[in-house]
Amino acid sequence: MNSCMRTVLVGFIAGALSVLVFHQLGFWIANQLDYARAPLYNLRPVPPWGVPAILSLAFWGGLWGIAAAFVVPRLPGALNGVLGWVLFAAIIVTLVNWFIVFPIKGAPVGGGFRLPGLAVVPLVYALWGFGMWLIARWLRAALGWR
């Protein structure tokens, strides 16, 4: 398997699994602290194909994982490690959701920029980014890929 396909595979698995573990853990913590009311492991069907929301989130998390797996290693200095994964998820993914995904879905830009969501979402995504880094690192080591 060539290097590009390895990066795609590792990125997708890391992103999807991190949604299932770290992203949901982040929202569980936010729910416990009464900073959010996010449904965890939501099985509600989402359009257009009616797949459960959690599977949709994991799929999109996998695609973001692929992007991070290609972008983060090319960043300078300390940004090409765990910090890059965390910041990629917390900043880039959050901004894309706020300014592109929400309006497409008919929601206000930035979800209306209301607290505590304004702080909770980037923090949960940062935890998800940390999870992606951890899973990608473990997966590469387990498969003997560098």
N, C-alpha and C. Protein backbone atom coordinates (compact mmCIF):
# COMPACT_ATOMS: atom_id res chain seq x y z
N MET A 1 0.86 -1.18 0.00
CA MET A 1 0.00 0.00 0.00
C MET A 1 0.90 1.24 0.00
N ASN A 2 0.59 2.19 -0.88
CA ASN A 2 1.45 3.37 -0.96
C ASN A 2 1.17 4.36 0.18
N SER A 3 2.04 5.32 0.30
CA SER A 3 1.99 6.28 1.41
C SER A 3 0.69 7.09 1.42
N CYS A 4 0.20 7.46 0.25
CA CYS A 4 -1.03 8.26 0.17
C CYS A 4 -2.22 7.45 0.71
N MET A 5 -2.33 6.21 0.30
CA MET A 5 -3.44 5.37 0.76
C MET A 5 -3.33 5.10 2.26
N ARG A 6 -2.12 4.96 2.77
CA ARG A 6 -1.93 4.78 4.21
C ARG A 6 -2.43 6.00 4.97
N THR A 7 -2.11 7.17 4.46
CA THR A 7 -2.54 8.41 5.11
C THR A 7 -4.06 8.51 5.10
N VAL A 8 -4.68 8.17 3.98
CA VAL A 8 -6.14 8.20 3.88
C VAL A 8 -6.75 7.22 4.88
N LEU A 9 -6.24 6.00 4.91
CA LEU A 9 -6.78 4.97 5.80
C LEU A 9 -6.62 5.35 7.27
N VAL A 10 -5.43 5.76 7.65
CA VAL A 10 -5.17 6.14 9.04
C VAL A 10 -6.00 7.37 9.41
N GLY A 11 -6.05 8.36 8.54
CA GLY A 11 -6.82 9.57 8.83
C GLY A 11 -8.29 9.28 9.01
N PHE A 12 -8.85 8.46 8.11
CA PHE A 12 -10.28 8.17 8.21
C PHE A 12 -10.60 7.39 9.48
N ILE A 13 -9.83 6.36 9.75
CA ILE A 13 -10.09 5.55 10.95
C ILE A 13 -9.92 6.40 12.21
N ALA A 14 -8.86 7.21 12.26
CA ALA A 14 -8.62 8.05 13.43
C ALA A 14 -9.75 9.06 13.64
N GLY A 15 -10.19 9.69 12.55
CA GLY A 15 -11.27 10.69 12.66
C GLY A 15 -12.58 10.07 13.07
N ALA A 16 -12.94 8.93 12.46
CA ALA A 16 -14.21 8.28 12.76
C ALA A 16 -14.23 7.72 14.18
N LEU A 17 -13.18 7.00 14.57
CA LEU A 17 -13.14 6.44 15.92
C LEU A 17 -13.09 7.52 16.98
N SER A 18 -12.39 8.60 16.69
CA SER A 18 -12.31 9.69 17.66
C SER A 18 -13.66 10.35 17.87
N VAL A 19 -14.49 10.40 16.83
CA VAL A 19 -15.86 10.90 17.01
C VAL A 19 -16.60 9.99 17.98
N LEU A 20 -16.47 8.69 17.79
CA LEU A 20 -17.21 7.73 18.61
C LEU A 20 -16.75 7.71 20.06
N VAL A 21 -15.50 8.09 20.31
CA VAL A 21 -14.97 8.05 21.67
C VAL A 21 -14.80 9.46 22.24
N PHE A 22 -13.90 10.25 21.68
CA PHE A 22 -13.50 11.53 22.27
C PHE A 22 -14.55 12.63 22.07
N HIS A 23 -15.11 12.73 20.88
CA HIS A 23 -16.13 13.73 20.60
C HIS A 23 -17.35 13.51 21.50
N GLN A 24 -17.80 12.27 21.57
CA GLN A 24 -18.96 11.97 22.41
C GLN A 24 -18.63 12.13 23.89
N LEU A 25 -17.40 11.79 24.29
CA LEU A 25 -16.95 12.02 25.67
C LEU A 25 -16.98 13.51 25.99
N GLY A 26 -16.52 14.33 25.07
CA GLY A 26 -16.53 15.78 25.27
C GLY A 26 -17.93 16.31 25.49
N PHE A 27 -18.88 15.85 24.67
CA PHE A 27 -20.25 16.30 24.86
C PHE A 27 -20.88 15.70 26.11
N TRP A 28 -20.47 14.49 26.49
CA TRP A 28 -20.97 13.92 27.75
C TRP A 28 -20.52 14.79 28.92
N ILE A 29 -19.25 15.20 28.92
CA ILE A 29 -18.73 16.07 29.99
C ILE A 29 -19.50 17.39 29.99
N ALA A 30 -19.68 17.99 28.81
CA ALA A 30 -20.43 19.26 28.72
C ALA A 30 -21.86 19.08 29.23
N ASN A 31 -22.48 17.96 28.91
CA ASN A 31 -23.83 17.68 29.42
C ASN A 31 -23.82 17.56 30.94
N GLN A 32 -22.85 16.87 31.49
CA GLN A 32 -22.78 16.68 32.93
C GLN A 32 -22.57 18.00 33.67
N LEU A 33 -21.86 18.92 33.04
CA LEU A 33 -21.61 20.23 33.64
C LEU A 33 -22.74 21.23 33.32
N ASP A 34 -23.78 20.77 32.65
CA ASP A 34 -24.92 21.60 32.23
C ASP A 34 -24.51 22.73 31.29
N TYR A 35 -23.49 22.50 30.49
CA TYR A 35 -23.10 23.46 29.47
C TYR A 35 -23.67 23.12 28.11
N ALA A 36 -24.26 21.94 27.99
CA ALA A 36 -24.85 21.50 26.71
C ALA A 36 -25.97 20.52 26.99
N ARG A 37 -26.78 20.34 25.99
CA ARG A 37 -27.82 19.30 26.01
C ARG A 37 -27.71 18.51 24.72
N ALA A 38 -26.53 18.01 24.48
CA ALA A 38 -26.27 17.28 23.23
C ALA A 38 -26.69 15.83 23.37
N PRO A 39 -27.45 15.32 22.41
CA PRO A 39 -27.80 13.90 22.45
C PRO A 39 -26.57 13.05 22.10
N LEU A 40 -26.26 12.09 22.94
CA LEU A 40 -25.09 11.25 22.73
C LEU A 40 -25.47 10.00 21.95
N TYR A 41 -24.59 9.57 21.07
CA TYR A 41 -24.81 8.38 20.24
C TYR A 41 -26.22 8.39 19.66
N ASN A 42 -26.56 9.53 19.08
CA ASN A 42 -27.89 9.79 18.55
C ASN A 42 -28.19 8.88 17.35
N LEU A 43 -29.26 8.13 17.43
CA LEU A 43 -29.67 7.22 16.37
C LEU A 43 -30.74 7.81 15.45
N ARG A 44 -31.08 9.08 15.67
CA ARG A 44 -32.07 9.76 14.82
C ARG A 44 -31.59 9.74 13.37
N PRO A 45 -32.47 9.31 12.44
CA PRO A 45 -32.06 9.30 11.02
C PRO A 45 -31.87 10.72 10.48
N VAL A 46 -30.84 10.88 9.69
CA VAL A 46 -30.58 12.20 9.09
C VAL A 46 -30.68 12.09 7.57
N PRO A 47 -31.22 13.15 6.95
CA PRO A 47 -31.34 13.15 5.49
C PRO A 47 -29.95 13.22 4.84
N PRO A 48 -29.77 12.85 3.63
CA PRO A 48 -30.82 12.39 2.72
C PRO A 48 -31.06 10.88 2.75
N TRP A 49 -30.18 10.10 3.38
CA TRP A 49 -30.32 8.65 3.31
C TRP A 49 -30.86 8.01 4.57
N GLY A 50 -31.12 8.78 5.59
CA GLY A 50 -31.72 8.25 6.80
C GLY A 50 -30.77 7.43 7.67
N VAL A 51 -29.47 7.67 7.56
CA VAL A 51 -28.53 6.95 8.43
C VAL A 51 -28.57 7.57 9.82
N PRO A 52 -28.27 6.80 10.86
CA PRO A 52 -28.25 7.36 12.20
C PRO A 52 -27.25 8.52 12.30
N ALA A 53 -27.63 9.54 13.08
CA ALA A 53 -26.79 10.74 13.21
C ALA A 53 -25.38 10.41 13.64
N ILE A 54 -25.21 9.46 14.56
CA ILE A 54 -23.86 9.14 15.04
C ILE A 54 -23.00 8.56 13.92
N LEU A 55 -23.59 7.78 13.02
CA LEU A 55 -22.82 7.26 11.89
C LEU A 55 -22.46 8.36 10.91
N SER A 56 -23.38 9.31 10.72
CA SER A 56 -23.08 10.46 9.87
C SER A 56 -21.93 11.27 10.47
N LEU A 57 -22.00 11.50 11.78
CA LEU A 57 -20.91 12.23 12.45
C LEU A 57 -19.58 11.50 12.30
N ALA A 58 -19.60 10.18 12.48
CA ALA A 58 -18.36 9.39 12.37
C ALA A 58 -17.81 9.45 10.93
N PHE A 59 -18.70 9.38 9.94
CA PHE A 59 -18.27 9.47 8.55
C PHE A 59 -17.60 10.82 8.27
N TRP A 60 -18.27 11.91 8.66
CA TRP A 60 -17.69 13.23 8.44
C TRP A 60 -16.43 13.42 9.26
N GLY A 61 -16.41 12.84 10.47
CA GLY A 61 -15.19 12.88 11.27
C GLY A 61 -14.04 12.17 10.57
N GLY A 62 -14.36 11.07 9.89
CA GLY A 62 -13.34 10.36 9.12
C GLY A 62 -12.80 11.20 7.98
N LEU A 63 -13.69 11.92 7.29
CA LEU A 63 -13.23 12.79 6.20
C LEU A 63 -12.34 13.92 6.73
N TRP A 64 -12.75 14.50 7.87
CA TRP A 64 -11.91 15.52 8.49
C TRP A 64 -10.58 14.92 8.94
N GLY A 65 -10.61 13.68 9.40
CA GLY A 65 -9.37 12.99 9.79
C GLY A 65 -8.42 12.85 8.63
N ILE A 66 -8.95 12.54 7.44
CA ILE A 66 -8.11 12.46 6.24
C ILE A 66 -7.46 13.81 5.98
N ALA A 67 -8.26 14.88 6.03
CA ALA A 67 -7.71 16.22 5.79
C ALA A 67 -6.61 16.54 6.80
N ALA A 68 -6.86 16.26 8.07
CA ALA A 68 -5.86 16.54 9.10
C ALA A 68 -4.61 15.71 8.89
N ALA A 69 -4.78 14.45 8.49
CA ALA A 69 -3.62 13.56 8.29
C ALA A 69 -2.71 14.05 7.17
N PHE A 70 -3.28 14.76 6.20
CA PHE A 70 -2.46 15.33 5.13
C PHE A 70 -1.90 16.70 5.49
N VAL A 71 -2.68 17.52 6.19
CA VAL A 71 -2.29 18.91 6.47
C VAL A 71 -1.33 19.02 7.65
N VAL A 72 -1.66 18.42 8.78
CA VAL A 72 -0.91 18.64 10.02
C VAL A 72 0.57 18.27 9.91
N PRO A 73 0.95 17.13 9.30
CA PRO A 73 2.38 16.82 9.22
C PRO A 73 3.19 17.82 8.40
N ARG A 74 2.53 18.64 7.61
CA ARG A 74 3.23 19.64 6.78
C ARG A 74 3.33 21.00 7.47
N LEU A 75 2.75 21.11 8.66
CA LEU A 75 2.81 22.37 9.39
C LEU A 75 4.18 22.54 10.03
N PRO A 76 4.61 23.78 10.27
CA PRO A 76 5.95 24.01 10.83
C PRO A 76 6.02 23.74 12.33
N GLY A 77 7.20 23.35 12.77
CA GLY A 77 7.53 23.23 14.19
C GLY A 77 6.58 22.39 15.01
N ALA A 78 6.19 22.94 16.14
CA ALA A 78 5.34 22.23 17.10
C ALA A 78 3.94 21.97 16.55
N LEU A 79 3.56 22.66 15.48
CA LEU A 79 2.23 22.49 14.93
C LEU A 79 2.08 21.19 14.14
N ASN A 80 3.17 20.48 13.87
CA ASN A 80 3.05 19.25 13.09
C ASN A 80 2.89 18.01 13.96
N GLY A 81 2.46 18.20 15.20
CA GLY A 81 2.21 17.08 16.10
C GLY A 81 0.85 17.23 16.75
N VAL A 82 0.78 16.84 18.00
CA VAL A 82 -0.50 16.85 18.71
C VAL A 82 -1.15 18.24 18.70
N LEU A 83 -0.36 19.29 18.85
CA LEU A 83 -0.91 20.65 18.85
C LEU A 83 -1.61 20.97 17.53
N GLY A 84 -1.03 20.54 16.43
CA GLY A 84 -1.63 20.77 15.13
C GLY A 84 -2.96 20.06 14.98
N TRP A 85 -3.05 18.81 15.43
CA TRP A 85 -4.30 18.06 15.37
C TRP A 85 -5.37 18.75 16.21
N VAL A 86 -5.00 19.16 17.42
CA VAL A 86 -5.95 19.81 18.32
C VAL A 86 -6.44 21.13 17.72
N LEU A 87 -5.53 21.96 17.24
CA LEU A 87 -5.91 23.25 16.68
C LEU A 87 -6.67 23.11 15.36
N PHE A 88 -6.29 22.14 14.55
CA PHE A 88 -7.01 21.89 13.30
C PHE A 88 -8.49 21.63 13.60
N ALA A 89 -8.74 20.73 14.54
CA ALA A 89 -10.12 20.37 14.88
C ALA A 89 -10.84 21.54 15.57
N ALA A 90 -10.16 22.17 16.52
CA ALA A 90 -10.81 23.22 17.31
C ALA A 90 -11.07 24.49 16.51
N ILE A 91 -10.21 24.80 15.57
CA ILE A 91 -10.35 26.07 14.83
C ILE A 91 -10.93 25.85 13.43
N ILE A 92 -10.26 25.06 12.62
CA ILE A 92 -10.69 24.90 11.22
C ILE A 92 -12.06 24.24 11.12
N VAL A 93 -12.23 23.11 11.81
CA VAL A 93 -13.51 22.39 11.72
C VAL A 93 -14.63 23.22 12.33
N THR A 94 -14.36 23.88 13.44
CA THR A 94 -15.37 24.73 14.06
C THR A 94 -15.80 25.85 13.12
N LEU A 95 -14.85 26.53 12.51
CA LEU A 95 -15.18 27.63 11.60
C LEU A 95 -15.96 27.16 10.38
N VAL A 96 -15.57 26.02 9.83
CA VAL A 96 -16.31 25.47 8.68
C VAL A 96 -17.75 25.15 9.10
N ASN A 97 -17.90 24.55 10.26
CA ASN A 97 -19.26 24.25 10.74
C ASN A 97 -20.06 25.53 10.94
N TRP A 98 -19.48 26.51 11.60
CA TRP A 98 -20.20 27.74 11.90
C TRP A 98 -20.60 28.52 10.64
N PHE A 99 -19.66 28.64 9.70
CA PHE A 99 -19.88 29.54 8.57
C PHE A 99 -20.33 28.87 7.27
N ILE A 100 -20.25 27.55 7.20
CA ILE A 100 -20.68 26.85 5.98
C ILE A 100 -21.80 25.84 6.28
N VAL A 101 -21.53 24.91 7.20
CA VAL A 101 -22.48 23.82 7.46
C VAL A 101 -23.79 24.35 8.07
N PHE A 102 -23.68 25.16 9.11
CA PHE A 102 -24.90 25.67 9.75
C PHE A 102 -25.81 26.41 8.76
N PRO A 103 -25.28 27.37 7.98
CA PRO A 103 -26.16 28.05 7.01
C PRO A 103 -26.77 27.10 5.97
N ILE A 104 -26.00 26.10 5.53
CA ILE A 104 -26.54 25.13 4.57
C ILE A 104 -27.73 24.39 5.17
N LYS A 105 -27.63 24.10 6.47
CA LYS A 105 -28.70 23.38 7.16
C LYS A 105 -29.83 24.30 7.63
N GLY A 106 -29.73 25.59 7.33
CA GLY A 106 -30.79 26.53 7.70
C GLY A 106 -30.66 27.08 9.11
N ALA A 107 -29.56 26.81 9.77
CA ALA A 107 -29.32 27.32 11.12
C ALA A 107 -28.59 28.67 11.01
N PRO A 108 -28.67 29.49 12.05
CA PRO A 108 -27.95 30.76 12.00
C PRO A 108 -26.43 30.53 12.00
N VAL A 109 -25.72 31.44 11.37
CA VAL A 109 -24.26 31.39 11.35
C VAL A 109 -23.76 31.29 12.79
N GLY A 110 -22.85 30.37 13.01
CA GLY A 110 -22.27 30.19 14.34
C GLY A 110 -23.27 29.72 15.38
N GLY A 111 -24.40 29.21 14.93
CA GLY A 111 -25.43 28.80 15.89
C GLY A 111 -25.97 29.97 16.68
N GLY A 112 -25.80 31.17 16.14
CA GLY A 112 -26.24 32.37 16.82
C GLY A 112 -25.18 32.93 17.76
N PHE A 113 -24.03 32.30 17.80
CA PHE A 113 -22.91 32.73 18.66
C PHE A 113 -23.36 32.95 20.11
N ARG A 114 -24.08 31.97 20.62
CA ARG A 114 -24.55 32.05 22.01
C ARG A 114 -23.65 31.22 22.92
N LEU A 115 -23.49 31.72 24.12
CA LEU A 115 -22.79 30.94 25.15
C LEU A 115 -23.77 29.97 25.76
N PRO A 116 -23.36 28.84 26.23
CA PRO A 116 -21.99 28.35 26.33
C PRO A 116 -21.49 27.64 25.08
N GLY A 117 -22.36 27.45 24.07
CA GLY A 117 -21.95 26.73 22.86
C GLY A 117 -20.75 27.34 22.16
N LEU A 118 -20.63 28.64 22.25
CA LEU A 118 -19.51 29.35 21.64
C LEU A 118 -18.17 28.83 22.16
N ALA A 119 -18.14 28.40 23.42
CA ALA A 119 -16.91 27.86 24.02
C ALA A 119 -16.90 26.34 24.02
N VAL A 120 -18.07 25.72 24.21
CA VAL A 120 -18.13 24.26 24.34
C VAL A 120 -17.72 23.56 23.05
N VAL A 121 -18.24 24.01 21.93
CA VAL A 121 -17.98 23.32 20.66
C VAL A 121 -16.49 23.29 20.33
N PRO A 122 -15.76 24.42 20.35
CA PRO A 122 -14.33 24.33 20.07
C PRO A 122 -13.56 23.45 21.06
N LEU A 123 -14.00 23.44 22.32
CA LEU A 123 -13.32 22.59 23.31
C LEU A 123 -13.58 21.11 23.04
N VAL A 124 -14.81 20.77 22.69
CA VAL A 124 -15.12 19.37 22.36
C VAL A 124 -14.36 18.97 21.10
N TYR A 125 -14.32 19.85 20.12
CA TYR A 125 -13.59 19.53 18.89
C TYR A 125 -12.09 19.41 19.17
N ALA A 126 -11.56 20.20 20.10
CA ALA A 126 -10.15 20.07 20.48
C ALA A 126 -9.90 18.68 21.07
N LEU A 127 -10.80 18.21 21.91
CA LEU A 127 -10.67 16.86 22.48
C LEU A 127 -10.74 15.82 21.36
N TRP A 128 -11.64 16.02 20.41
CA TRP A 128 -11.74 15.13 19.25
C TRP A 128 -10.42 15.14 18.46
N GLY A 129 -9.82 16.32 18.28
CA GLY A 129 -8.53 16.42 17.59
C GLY A 129 -7.43 15.69 18.32
N PHE A 130 -7.43 15.80 19.65
CA PHE A 130 -6.45 15.05 20.44
C PHE A 130 -6.66 13.55 20.23
N GLY A 131 -7.91 13.12 20.23
CA GLY A 131 -8.22 11.71 19.99
C GLY A 131 -7.75 11.25 18.62
N MET A 132 -7.94 12.09 17.60
CA MET A 132 -7.48 11.73 16.26
C MET A 132 -5.97 11.52 16.26
N TRP A 133 -5.24 12.45 16.89
CA TRP A 133 -3.78 12.33 16.96
C TRP A 133 -3.39 11.03 17.66
N LEU A 134 -4.02 10.75 18.79
CA LEU A 134 -3.69 9.56 19.58
C LEU A 134 -3.97 8.28 18.80
N ILE A 135 -5.14 8.21 18.18
CA ILE A 135 -5.51 7.01 17.42
C ILE A 135 -4.62 6.85 16.19
N ALA A 136 -4.35 7.95 15.47
CA ALA A 136 -3.49 7.88 14.28
C ALA A 136 -2.09 7.42 14.67
N ARG A 137 -1.58 7.94 15.75
CA ARG A 137 -0.24 7.56 16.22
C ARG A 137 -0.21 6.08 16.58
N TRP A 138 -1.21 5.63 17.33
CA TRP A 138 -1.27 4.24 17.74
C TRP A 138 -1.43 3.32 16.52
N LEU A 139 -2.30 3.71 15.58
CA LEU A 139 -2.55 2.89 14.42
C LEU A 139 -1.31 2.76 13.54
N ARG A 140 -0.61 3.87 13.33
CA ARG A 140 0.64 3.81 12.53
C ARG A 140 1.65 2.90 13.19
N ALA A 141 1.79 3.00 14.51
CA ALA A 141 2.75 2.17 15.24
C ALA A 141 2.35 0.70 15.16
N ALA A 142 1.05 0.42 15.34
CA ALA A 142 0.57 -0.95 15.32
C ALA A 142 0.76 -1.62 13.96
N LEU A 143 0.65 -0.83 12.91
CA LEU A 143 0.80 -1.36 11.55
C LEU A 143 2.23 -1.25 11.03
N GLY A 144 3.12 -0.64 11.82
CA GLY A 144 4.50 -0.47 11.42
C GLY A 144 4.69 0.57 10.34
N TRP A 145 3.76 1.53 10.25
CA TRP A 145 3.83 2.61 9.26
C TRP A 145 4.35 3.86 9.92
N ARG A 146 5.22 4.54 9.28
CA ARG A 146 5.71 5.82 9.82
C ARG A 146 5.37 6.91 8.93
